[in-house]
Amino acid sequence: MTNDFQSGIAVRLYLSESEDDKLQKIINFLHDIHNVKGVTAFRGIEGFGQSGQIHSANLIALSNDLPITLEFFDTADKMRAIFNDLQTMVKPGHMISWPVTIN
């Protein structure tokens, strides 16, 4: 068994449930156009953004605008090629990335 490792980049986007159309557009972009290795969307139970307004899933203050994070990864070369397009789809300050090792 060989251990083939590649340098990669992981990206996390910060969205909200109210941006469902944007979420689907980004997922389709990553799947259909760039065929990235993996994409997962997570729904948060509570959070706040630049506005400072807290959005929560608790029964007292049920929000229909919960935080969504979209996380994905692929080789560094492929990810660099799609960064410019992603920046036009996501608000400034809502995308982070870090180097990863893909086995």
PDB file of N, CA and C in Angstrom:
ATOM      1  N   MET A   1       0.839  -1.176   0.000  1.00  0.00           N
ATOM      2  CA  MET A   1       0.000   0.000   0.000  1.00  0.00           C
ATOM      3  C   MET A   1       0.888   1.244   0.000  1.00  0.00           C
ATOM      4  N   THR A   2       0.612   2.172  -0.908  1.00  0.00           N
ATOM      5  CA  THR A   2       1.407   3.391  -0.991  1.00  0.00           C
ATOM      6  C   THR A   2       0.671   4.539  -0.315  1.00  0.00           C
ATOM      7  N   ASN A   3       1.442   5.439   0.209  1.00  0.00           N
ATOM      8  CA  ASN A   3       0.884   6.651   0.802  1.00  0.00           C
ATOM      9  C   ASN A   3       1.163   7.809  -0.136  1.00  0.00           C
ATOM     10  N   ASP A   4       0.219   8.084  -1.016  1.00  0.00           N
ATOM     11  CA  ASP A   4       0.350   9.202  -1.934  1.00  0.00           C
ATOM     12  C   ASP A   4      -0.337  10.413  -1.328  1.00  0.00           C
ATOM     13  N   PHE A   5       0.439  11.442  -1.045  1.00  0.00           N
ATOM     14  CA  PHE A   5      -0.103  12.644  -0.442  1.00  0.00           C
ATOM     15  C   PHE A   5       0.018  13.796  -1.417  1.00  0.00           C
ATOM     16  N   GLN A   6      -0.987  14.660  -1.408  1.00  0.00           N
ATOM     17  CA  GLN A   6      -0.990  15.853  -2.242  1.00  0.00           C
ATOM     18  C   GLN A   6      -1.196  17.072  -1.361  1.00  0.00           C
ATOM     19  N   SER A   7      -0.642  18.183  -1.781  1.00  0.00           N
ATOM     20  CA  SER A   7      -0.929  19.446  -1.115  1.00  0.00           C
ATOM     21  C   SER A   7      -2.292  19.923  -1.576  1.00  0.00           C
ATOM     22  N   GLY A   8      -3.070  20.401  -0.637  1.00  0.00           N
ATOM     23  CA  GLY A   8      -4.398  20.880  -0.973  1.00  0.00           C
ATOM     24  C   GLY A   8      -4.736  22.132  -0.212  1.00  0.00           C
ATOM     25  N   ILE A   9      -5.917  22.633  -0.491  1.00  0.00           N
ATOM     26  CA  ILE A   9      -6.445  23.797   0.204  1.00  0.00           C
ATOM     27  C   ILE A   9      -7.874  23.472   0.620  1.00  0.00           C
ATOM     28  N   ALA A  10      -8.201  23.763   1.869  1.00  0.00           N
ATOM     29  CA  ALA A  10      -9.571  23.660   2.359  1.00  0.00           C
ATOM     30  C   ALA A  10     -10.139  25.071   2.469  1.00  0.00           C
ATOM     31  N   VAL A  11     -11.416  25.196   2.193  1.00  0.00           N
ATOM     32  CA  VAL A  11     -12.081  26.503   2.218  1.00  0.00           C
ATOM     33  C   VAL A  11     -13.356  26.382   3.030  1.00  0.00           C
ATOM     34  N   ARG A  12     -13.642  27.400   3.793  1.00  0.00           N
ATOM     35  CA  ARG A  12     -14.908  27.473   4.526  1.00  0.00           C
ATOM     36  C   ARG A  12     -15.572  28.794   4.166  1.00  0.00           C
ATOM     37  N   LEU A  13     -16.829  28.708   3.752  1.00  0.00           N
ATOM     38  CA  LEU A  13     -17.631  29.888   3.437  1.00  0.00           C
ATOM     39  C   LEU A  13     -18.683  30.062   4.521  1.00  0.00           C
ATOM     40  N   TYR A  14     -18.939  31.291   4.896  1.00  0.00           N
ATOM     41  CA  TYR A  14     -19.947  31.606   5.898  1.00  0.00           C
ATOM     42  C   TYR A  14     -21.145  32.246   5.202  1.00  0.00           C
ATOM     43  N   LEU A  15     -22.278  31.547   5.279  1.00  0.00           N
ATOM     44  CA  LEU A  15     -23.520  31.997   4.655  1.00  0.00           C
ATOM     45  C   LEU A  15     -24.628  31.954   5.704  1.00  0.00           C
ATOM     46  N   SER A  16     -25.855  32.179   5.278  1.00  0.00           N
ATOM     47  CA  SER A  16     -26.999  32.026   6.167  1.00  0.00           C
ATOM     48  C   SER A  16     -28.131  31.362   5.396  1.00  0.00           C
ATOM     49  N   GLU A  17     -29.105  30.839   6.136  1.00  0.00           N
ATOM     50  CA  GLU A  17     -30.234  30.157   5.495  1.00  0.00           C
ATOM     51  C   GLU A  17     -30.979  31.056   4.528  1.00  0.00           C
ATOM     52  N   SER A  18     -30.985  32.341   4.780  1.00  0.00           N
ATOM     53  CA  SER A  18     -31.681  33.265   3.879  1.00  0.00           C
ATOM     54  C   SER A  18     -30.988  33.351   2.514  1.00  0.00           C
ATOM     55  N   GLU A  19     -29.776  32.823   2.427  1.00  0.00           N
ATOM     56  CA  GLU A  19     -29.028  32.830   1.168  1.00  0.00           C
ATOM     57  C   GLU A  19     -29.064  31.459   0.488  1.00  0.00           C
ATOM     58  N   ASP A  20     -30.207  30.758   0.616  1.00  0.00           N
ATOM     59  CA  ASP A  20     -30.322  29.404   0.069  1.00  0.00           C
ATOM     60  C   ASP A  20     -30.040  29.362  -1.431  1.00  0.00           C
ATOM     61  N   ASP A  21     -30.486  30.369  -2.168  1.00  0.00           N
ATOM     62  CA  ASP A  21     -30.209  30.388  -3.610  1.00  0.00           C
ATOM     63  C   ASP A  21     -28.708  30.498  -3.874  1.00  0.00           C
ATOM     64  N   LYS A  22     -28.014  31.289  -3.058  1.00  0.00           N
ATOM     65  CA  LYS A  22     -26.561  31.419  -3.196  1.00  0.00           C
ATOM     66  C   LYS A  22     -25.869  30.106  -2.844  1.00  0.00           C
ATOM     67  N   LEU A  23     -26.327  29.432  -1.795  1.00  0.00           N
ATOM     68  CA  LEU A  23     -25.759  28.152  -1.393  1.00  0.00           C
ATOM     69  C   LEU A  23     -25.862  27.152  -2.539  1.00  0.00           C
ATOM     70  N   GLN A  24     -27.039  27.043  -3.130  1.00  0.00           N
ATOM     71  CA  GLN A  24     -27.219  26.091  -4.240  1.00  0.00           C
ATOM     72  C   GLN A  24     -26.364  26.455  -5.444  1.00  0.00           C
ATOM     73  N   LYS A  25     -26.253  27.728  -5.727  1.00  0.00           N
ATOM     74  CA  LYS A  25     -25.431  28.189  -6.847  1.00  0.00           C
ATOM     75  C   LYS A  25     -23.967  27.802  -6.626  1.00  0.00           C
ATOM     76  N   ILE A  26     -23.473  27.993  -5.410  1.00  0.00           N
ATOM     77  CA  ILE A  26     -22.084  27.666  -5.108  1.00  0.00           C
ATOM     78  C   ILE A  26     -21.857  26.159  -5.156  1.00  0.00           C
ATOM     79  N   ILE A  27     -22.778  25.381  -4.578  1.00  0.00           N
ATOM     80  CA  ILE A  27     -22.635  23.922  -4.617  1.00  0.00           C
ATOM     81  C   ILE A  27     -22.641  23.427  -6.060  1.00  0.00           C
ATOM     82  N   ASN A  28     -23.552  23.925  -6.880  1.00  0.00           N
ATOM     83  CA  ASN A  28     -23.581  23.525  -8.288  1.00  0.00           C
ATOM     84  C   ASN A  28     -22.298  23.929  -9.003  1.00  0.00           C
ATOM     85  N   PHE A  29     -21.796  25.118  -8.711  1.00  0.00           N
ATOM     86  CA  PHE A  29     -20.542  25.600  -9.292  1.00  0.00           C
ATOM     87  C   PHE A  29     -19.383  24.666  -8.937  1.00  0.00           C
ATOM     88  N   LEU A  30     -19.293  24.282  -7.658  1.00  0.00           N
ATOM     89  CA  LEU A  30     -18.200  23.418  -7.209  1.00  0.00           C
ATOM     90  C   LEU A  30     -18.345  21.996  -7.753  1.00  0.00           C
ATOM     91  N   HIS A  31     -19.568  21.510  -7.876  1.00  0.00           N
ATOM     92  CA  HIS A  31     -19.810  20.144  -8.349  1.00  0.00           C
ATOM     93  C   HIS A  31     -19.761  20.051  -9.877  1.00  0.00           C
ATOM     94  N   ASP A  32     -20.570  20.851 -10.540  1.00  0.00           N
ATOM     95  CA  ASP A  32     -20.743  20.710 -11.980  1.00  0.00           C
ATOM     96  C   ASP A  32     -19.595  21.276 -12.799  1.00  0.00           C
ATOM     97  N   ILE A  33     -19.050  22.390 -12.367  1.00  0.00           N
ATOM     98  CA  ILE A  33     -18.006  23.052 -13.164  1.00  0.00           C
ATOM     99  C   ILE A  33     -16.609  22.608 -12.747  1.00  0.00           C
ATOM    100  N   HIS A  34     -16.355  22.507 -11.428  1.00  0.00           N
ATOM    101  CA  HIS A  34     -14.993  22.214 -10.970  1.00  0.00           C
ATOM    102  C   HIS A  34     -14.807  20.824 -10.379  1.00  0.00           C
ATOM    103  N   ASN A  35     -15.892  20.124 -10.115  1.00  0.00           N
ATOM    104  CA  ASN A  35     -15.806  18.745  -9.616  1.00  0.00           C
ATOM    105  C   ASN A  35     -14.797  18.615  -8.468  1.00  0.00           C
ATOM    106  N   VAL A  36     -14.947  19.476  -7.441  1.00  0.00           N
ATOM    107  CA  VAL A  36     -14.022  19.418  -6.308  1.00  0.00           C
ATOM    108  C   VAL A  36     -14.190  18.099  -5.562  1.00  0.00           C
ATOM    109  N   LYS A  37     -13.164  17.710  -4.809  1.00  0.00           N
ATOM    110  CA  LYS A  37     -13.115  16.401  -4.163  1.00  0.00           C
ATOM    111  C   LYS A  37     -14.181  16.197  -3.089  1.00  0.00           C
ATOM    112  N   GLY A  38     -14.551  17.228  -2.370  1.00  0.00           N
ATOM    113  CA  GLY A  38     -15.528  17.065  -1.305  1.00  0.00           C
ATOM    114  C   GLY A  38     -16.149  18.380  -0.900  1.00  0.00           C
ATOM    115  N   VAL A  39     -17.457  18.364  -0.653  1.00  0.00           N
ATOM    116  CA  VAL A  39     -18.194  19.551  -0.221  1.00  0.00           C
ATOM    117  C   VAL A  39     -19.200  19.120   0.849  1.00  0.00           C
ATOM    118  N   THR A  40     -19.254  19.856   1.956  1.00  0.00           N
ATOM    119  CA  THR A  40     -20.241  19.593   2.998  1.00  0.00           C
ATOM    120  C   THR A  40     -20.802  20.919   3.492  1.00  0.00           C
ATOM    121  N   ALA A  41     -22.130  20.969   3.641  1.00  0.00           N
ATOM    122  CA  ALA A  41     -22.788  22.143   4.216  1.00  0.00           C
ATOM    123  C   ALA A  41     -23.234  21.793   5.636  1.00  0.00           C
ATOM    124  N   PHE A  42     -22.984  22.704   6.555  1.00  0.00           N
ATOM    125  CA  PHE A  42     -23.360  22.529   7.960  1.00  0.00           C
ATOM    126  C   PHE A  42     -24.334  23.629   8.356  1.00  0.00           C
ATOM    127  N   ARG A  43     -25.421  23.272   9.042  1.00  0.00           N
ATOM    128  CA  ARG A  43     -26.356  24.265   9.564  1.00  0.00           C
ATOM    129  C   ARG A  43     -26.008  24.502  11.026  1.00  0.00           C
ATOM    130  N   GLY A  44     -25.787  25.736  11.383  1.00  0.00           N
ATOM    131  CA  GLY A  44     -25.462  26.081  12.760  1.00  0.00           C
ATOM    132  C   GLY A  44     -26.713  26.155  13.618  1.00  0.00           C
ATOM    133  N   ILE A  45     -26.540  26.011  14.906  1.00  0.00           N
ATOM    134  CA  ILE A  45     -27.675  26.137  15.828  1.00  0.00           C
ATOM    135  C   ILE A  45     -27.789  27.538  16.402  1.00  0.00           C
ATOM    136  N   GLU A  46     -26.707  28.306  16.265  1.00  0.00           N
ATOM    137  CA  GLU A  46     -26.735  29.677  16.751  1.00  0.00           C
ATOM    138  C   GLU A  46     -25.538  30.411  16.182  1.00  0.00           C
ATOM    139  N   GLY A  47     -25.702  31.714  15.977  1.00  0.00           N
ATOM    140  CA  GLY A  47     -24.581  32.495  15.496  1.00  0.00           C
ATOM    141  C   GLY A  47     -24.966  33.937  15.262  1.00  0.00           C
ATOM    142  N   PHE A  48     -23.961  34.753  14.994  1.00  0.00           N
ATOM    143  CA  PHE A  48     -24.192  36.140  14.621  1.00  0.00           C
ATOM    144  C   PHE A  48     -23.095  36.563  13.673  1.00  0.00           C
ATOM    145  N   GLY A  49     -23.406  37.559  12.902  1.00  0.00           N
ATOM    146  CA  GLY A  49     -22.453  38.085  11.930  1.00  0.00           C
ATOM    147  C   GLY A  49     -22.170  39.540  12.199  1.00  0.00           C
ATOM    148  N   GLN A  50     -21.873  40.262  11.141  1.00  0.00           N
ATOM    149  CA  GLN A  50     -21.466  41.654  11.237  1.00  0.00           C
ATOM    150  C   GLN A  50     -22.539  42.532  11.884  1.00  0.00           C
ATOM    151  N   SER A  51     -23.812  42.188  11.679  1.00  0.00           N
ATOM    152  CA  SER A  51     -24.899  42.990  12.259  1.00  0.00           C
ATOM    153  C   SER A  51     -24.951  42.874  13.778  1.00  0.00           C
ATOM    154  N   GLY A  52     -24.409  41.782  14.322  1.00  0.00           N
ATOM    155  CA  GLY A  52     -24.451  41.554  15.755  1.00  0.00           C
ATOM    156  C   GLY A  52     -25.744  40.913  16.235  1.00  0.00           C
ATOM    157  N   GLN A  53     -26.726  40.749  15.337  1.00  0.00           N
ATOM    158  CA  GLN A  53     -27.987  40.114  15.712  1.00  0.00           C
ATOM    159  C   GLN A  53     -27.779  38.608  15.848  1.00  0.00           C
ATOM    160  N   ILE A  54     -28.187  38.049  16.987  1.00  0.00           N
ATOM    161  CA  ILE A  54     -28.022  36.619  17.232  1.00  0.00           C
ATOM    162  C   ILE A  54     -29.188  35.859  16.595  1.00  0.00           C
ATOM    163  N   HIS A  55     -28.856  34.848  15.825  1.00  0.00           N
ATOM    164  CA  HIS A  55     -29.832  33.953  15.207  1.00  0.00           C
ATOM    165  C   HIS A  55     -29.701  32.621  15.925  1.00  0.00           C
ATOM    166  N   SER A  56     -30.836  32.082  16.392  1.00  0.00           N
ATOM    167  CA  SER A  56     -30.785  30.902  17.241  1.00  0.00           C
ATOM    168  C   SER A  56     -31.857  29.901  16.855  1.00  0.00           C
ATOM    169  N   ALA A  57     -31.576  28.629  17.132  1.00  0.00           N
ATOM    170  CA  ALA A  57     -32.542  27.563  16.876  1.00  0.00           C
ATOM    171  C   ALA A  57     -33.300  27.182  18.134  1.00  0.00           C
ATOM    172  N   ASN A  58     -33.131  27.919  19.240  1.00  0.00           N
ATOM    173  CA  ASN A  58     -33.868  27.547  20.456  1.00  0.00           C
ATOM    174  C   ASN A  58     -35.353  27.864  20.294  1.00  0.00           C
ATOM    175  N   LEU A  59     -36.176  27.219  21.079  1.00  0.00           N
ATOM    176  CA  LEU A  59     -37.630  27.326  20.920  1.00  0.00           C
ATOM    177  C   LEU A  59     -38.174  28.719  21.228  1.00  0.00           C
ATOM    178  N   ILE A  60     -37.509  29.458  22.090  1.00  0.00           N
ATOM    179  CA  ILE A  60     -37.999  30.784  22.468  1.00  0.00           C
ATOM    180  C   ILE A  60     -37.766  31.796  21.346  1.00  0.00           C
ATOM    181  N   ALA A  61     -36.604  31.739  20.732  1.00  0.00           N
ATOM    182  CA  ALA A  61     -36.249  32.715  19.698  1.00  0.00           C
ATOM    183  C   ALA A  61     -35.930  32.006  18.385  1.00  0.00           C
ATOM    184  N   LEU A  62     -36.883  31.215  17.894  1.00  0.00           N
ATOM    185  CA  LEU A  62     -36.649  30.437  16.682  1.00  0.00           C
ATOM    186  C   LEU A  62     -36.388  31.357  15.482  1.00  0.00           C
ATOM    187  N   SER A  63     -35.272  31.162  14.855  1.00  0.00           N
ATOM    188  CA  SER A  63     -34.876  31.976  13.713  1.00  0.00           C
ATOM    189  C   SER A  63     -34.990  31.160  12.442  1.00  0.00           C
ATOM    190  N   ASN A  64     -35.387  31.806  11.368  1.00  0.00           N
ATOM    191  CA  ASN A  64     -35.393  31.140  10.070  1.00  0.00           C
ATOM    192  C   ASN A  64     -34.193  31.596   9.238  1.00  0.00           C
ATOM    193  N   ASP A  65     -33.191  32.131   9.902  1.00  0.00           N
ATOM    194  CA  ASP A  65     -32.002  32.609   9.209  1.00  0.00           C
ATOM    195  C   ASP A  65     -30.757  32.128   9.952  1.00  0.00           C
ATOM    196  N   LEU A  66     -30.674  30.811  10.174  1.00  0.00           N
ATOM    197  CA  LEU A  66     -29.550  30.235  10.900  1.00  0.00           C
ATOM    198  C   LEU A  66     -28.286  30.266  10.058  1.00  0.00           C
ATOM    199  N   PRO A  67     -27.122  30.231  10.723  1.00  0.00           N
ATOM    200  CA  PRO A  67     -25.864  30.239   9.990  1.00  0.00           C
ATOM    201  C   PRO A  67     -25.644  28.924   9.234  1.00  0.00           C
ATOM    202  N   ILE A  68     -25.034  29.038   8.074  1.00  0.00           N
ATOM    203  CA  ILE A  68     -24.645  27.893   7.258  1.00  0.00           C
ATOM    204  C   ILE A  68     -23.153  28.043   6.958  1.00  0.00           C
ATOM    205  N   THR A  69     -22.399  26.983   7.158  1.00  0.00           N
ATOM    206  CA  THR A  69     -21.009  26.980   6.692  1.00  0.00           C
ATOM    207  C   THR A  69     -20.894  25.926   5.612  1.00  0.00           C
ATOM    208  N   LEU A  70     -20.176  26.258   4.587  1.00  0.00           N
ATOM    209  CA  LEU A  70     -19.921  25.347   3.476  1.00  0.00           C
ATOM    210  C   LEU A  70     -18.424  25.100   3.456  1.00  0.00           C
ATOM    211  N   GLU A  71     -18.038  23.845   3.568  1.00  0.00           N
ATOM    212  CA  GLU A  71     -16.622  23.501   3.637  1.00  0.00           C
ATOM    213  C   GLU A  71     -16.288  22.559   2.493  1.00  0.00           C
ATOM    214  N   PHE A  72     -15.148  22.799   1.841  1.00  0.00           N
ATOM    215  CA  PHE A  72     -14.741  21.962   0.723  1.00  0.00           C
ATOM    216  C   PHE A  72     -13.238  22.010   0.565  1.00  0.00           C
ATOM    217  N   PHE A  73     -12.711  21.065  -0.221  1.00  0.00           N
ATOM    218  CA  PHE A  73     -11.265  20.976  -0.399  1.00  0.00           C
ATOM    219  C   PHE A  73     -10.948  20.357  -1.747  1.00  0.00           C
ATOM    220  N   ASP A  74      -9.731  20.590  -2.183  1.00  0.00           N
ATOM    221  CA  ASP A  74      -9.183  19.939  -3.369  1.00  0.00           C
ATOM    222  C   ASP A  74      -7.712  20.309  -3.447  1.00  0.00           C
ATOM    223  N   THR A  75      -7.079  19.903  -4.537  1.00  0.00           N
ATOM    224  CA  THR A  75      -5.655  20.203  -4.701  1.00  0.00           C
ATOM    225  C   THR A  75      -5.449  21.716  -4.742  1.00  0.00           C
ATOM    226  N   ALA A  76      -4.263  22.138  -4.361  1.00  0.00           N
ATOM    227  CA  ALA A  76      -3.960  23.564  -4.312  1.00  0.00           C
ATOM    228  C   ALA A  76      -4.132  24.215  -5.680  1.00  0.00           C
ATOM    229  N   ASP A  77      -3.672  23.552  -6.731  1.00  0.00           N
ATOM    230  CA  ASP A  77      -3.792  24.124  -8.078  1.00  0.00           C
ATOM    231  C   ASP A  77      -5.253  24.337  -8.472  1.00  0.00           C
ATOM    232  N   LYS A  78      -6.087  23.345  -8.209  1.00  0.00           N
ATOM    233  CA  LYS A  78      -7.504  23.464  -8.578  1.00  0.00           C
ATOM    234  C   LYS A  78      -8.176  24.560  -7.757  1.00  0.00           C
ATOM    235  N   MET A  79      -7.878  24.617  -6.476  1.00  0.00           N
ATOM    236  CA  MET A  79      -8.532  25.609  -5.626  1.00  0.00           C
ATOM    237  C   MET A  79      -8.124  27.029  -6.005  1.00  0.00           C
ATOM    238  N   ARG A  80      -6.863  27.221  -6.317  1.00  0.00           N
ATOM    239  CA  ARG A  80      -6.420  28.563  -6.734  1.00  0.00           C
ATOM    240  C   ARG A  80      -7.172  29.010  -7.986  1.00  0.00           C
ATOM    241  N   ALA A  81      -7.469  28.055  -8.861  1.00  0.00           N
ATOM    242  CA  ALA A  81      -8.151  28.381 -10.114  1.00  0.00           C
ATOM    243  C   ALA A  81      -9.591  28.853  -9.894  1.00  0.00           C
ATOM    244  N   ILE A  82     -10.208  28.472  -8.780  1.00  0.00           N
ATOM    245  CA  ILE A  82     -11.603  28.864  -8.568  1.00  0.00           C
ATOM    246  C   ILE A  82     -11.777  29.993  -7.551  1.00  0.00           C
ATOM    247  N   PHE A  83     -10.705  30.420  -6.889  1.00  0.00           N
ATOM    248  CA  PHE A  83     -10.813  31.477  -5.872  1.00  0.00           C
ATOM    249  C   PHE A  83     -11.438  32.760  -6.413  1.00  0.00           C
ATOM    250  N   ASN A  84     -11.021  33.210  -7.586  1.00  0.00           N
ATOM    251  CA  ASN A  84     -11.555  34.472  -8.120  1.00  0.00           C
ATOM    252  C   ASN A  84     -13.058  34.406  -8.304  1.00  0.00           C
ATOM    253  N   ASP A  85     -13.564  33.289  -8.845  1.00  0.00           N
ATOM    254  CA  ASP A  85     -15.011  33.148  -9.015  1.00  0.00           C
ATOM    255  C   ASP A  85     -15.717  33.116  -7.670  1.00  0.00           C
ATOM    256  N   LEU A  86     -15.147  32.418  -6.701  1.00  0.00           N
ATOM    257  CA  LEU A  86     -15.768  32.353  -5.373  1.00  0.00           C
ATOM    258  C   LEU A  86     -15.866  33.731  -4.742  1.00  0.00           C
ATOM    259  N   GLN A  87     -14.851  34.554  -4.928  1.00  0.00           N
ATOM    260  CA  GLN A  87     -14.855  35.888  -4.323  1.00  0.00           C
ATOM    261  C   GLN A  87     -15.979  36.752  -4.864  1.00  0.00           C
ATOM    262  N   THR A  88     -16.446  36.473  -6.083  1.00  0.00           N
ATOM    263  CA  THR A  88     -17.571  37.237  -6.628  1.00  0.00           C
ATOM    264  C   THR A  88     -18.908  36.722  -6.102  1.00  0.00           C
ATOM    265  N   MET A  89     -18.926  35.515  -5.529  1.00  0.00           N
ATOM    266  CA  MET A  89     -20.166  34.908  -5.037  1.00  0.00           C
ATOM    267  C   MET A  89     -20.392  35.122  -3.540  1.00  0.00           C
ATOM    268  N   VAL A  90     -19.329  35.452  -2.812  1.00  0.00           N
ATOM    269  CA  VAL A  90     -19.392  35.527  -1.356  1.00  0.00           C
ATOM    270  C   VAL A  90     -18.969  36.924  -0.906  1.00  0.00           C
ATOM    271  N   LYS A  91     -19.654  37.420   0.119  1.00  0.00           N
ATOM    272  CA  LYS A  91     -19.315  38.735   0.666  1.00  0.00           C
ATOM    273  C   LYS A  91     -17.872  38.748   1.181  1.00  0.00           C
ATOM    274  N   PRO A  92     -17.200  39.903   1.094  1.00  0.00           N
ATOM    275  CA  PRO A  92     -15.848  40.000   1.657  1.00  0.00           C
ATOM    276  C   PRO A  92     -15.852  39.616   3.140  1.00  0.00           C
ATOM    277  N   GLY A  93     -14.833  38.878   3.551  1.00  0.00           N
ATOM    278  CA  GLY A  93     -14.701  38.455   4.938  1.00  0.00           C
ATOM    279  C   GLY A  93     -15.482  37.202   5.285  1.00  0.00           C
ATOM    280  N   HIS A  94     -16.134  36.581   4.296  1.00  0.00           N
ATOM    281  CA  HIS A  94     -16.948  35.389   4.540  1.00  0.00           C
ATOM    282  C   HIS A  94     -16.328  34.122   3.954  1.00  0.00           C
ATOM    283  N   MET A  95     -15.063  34.183   3.593  1.00  0.00           N
ATOM    284  CA  MET A  95     -14.359  33.014   3.051  1.00  0.00           C
ATOM    285  C   MET A  95     -12.989  32.915   3.709  1.00  0.00           C
ATOM    286  N   ILE A  96     -12.678  31.749   4.265  1.00  0.00           N
ATOM    287  CA  ILE A  96     -11.348  31.514   4.803  1.00  0.00           C
ATOM    288  C   ILE A  96     -10.787  30.247   4.156  1.00  0.00           C
ATOM    289  N   SER A  97      -9.469  30.138   4.158  1.00  0.00           N
ATOM    290  CA  SER A  97      -8.834  28.945   3.589  1.00  0.00           C
ATOM    291  C   SER A  97      -7.562  28.629   4.348  1.00  0.00           C
ATOM    292  N   TRP A  98      -7.149  27.382   4.241  1.00  0.00           N
ATOM    293  CA  TRP A  98      -5.925  26.940   4.901  1.00  0.00           C
ATOM    294  C   TRP A  98      -5.358  25.750   4.132  1.00  0.00           C
ATOM    295  N   PRO A  99      -4.035  25.568   4.209  1.00  0.00           N
ATOM    296  CA  PRO A  99      -3.405  24.430   3.513  1.00  0.00           C
ATOM    297  C   PRO A  99      -3.726  23.122   4.213  1.00  0.00           C
ATOM    298  N   VAL A 100      -3.904  22.062   3.425  1.00  0.00           N
ATOM    299  CA  VAL A 100      -4.178  20.719   3.951  1.00  0.00           C
ATOM    300  C   VAL A 100      -3.333  19.710   3.194  1.00  0.00           C
ATOM    301  N   THR A 101      -3.232  18.524   3.756  1.00  0.00           N
ATOM    302  CA  THR A 101      -2.600  17.392   3.082  1.00  0.00           C
ATOM    303  C   THR A 101      -3.697  16.396   2.764  1.00  0.00           C
ATOM    304  N   ILE A 102      -3.787  16.004   1.508  1.00  0.00           N
ATOM    305  CA  ILE A 102      -4.818  15.060   1.048  1.00  0.00           C
ATOM    306  C   ILE A 102      -4.149  13.713   0.837  1.00  0.00           C
ATOM    307  N   ASN A 103      -4.687  12.670   1.448  1.00  0.00           N
ATOM    308  CA  ASN A 103      -4.108  11.332   1.244  1.00  0.00           C
ATOM    309  C   ASN A 103      -4.922  10.528   0.256  1.00  0.00           C
TER     310      ASN A 103
END
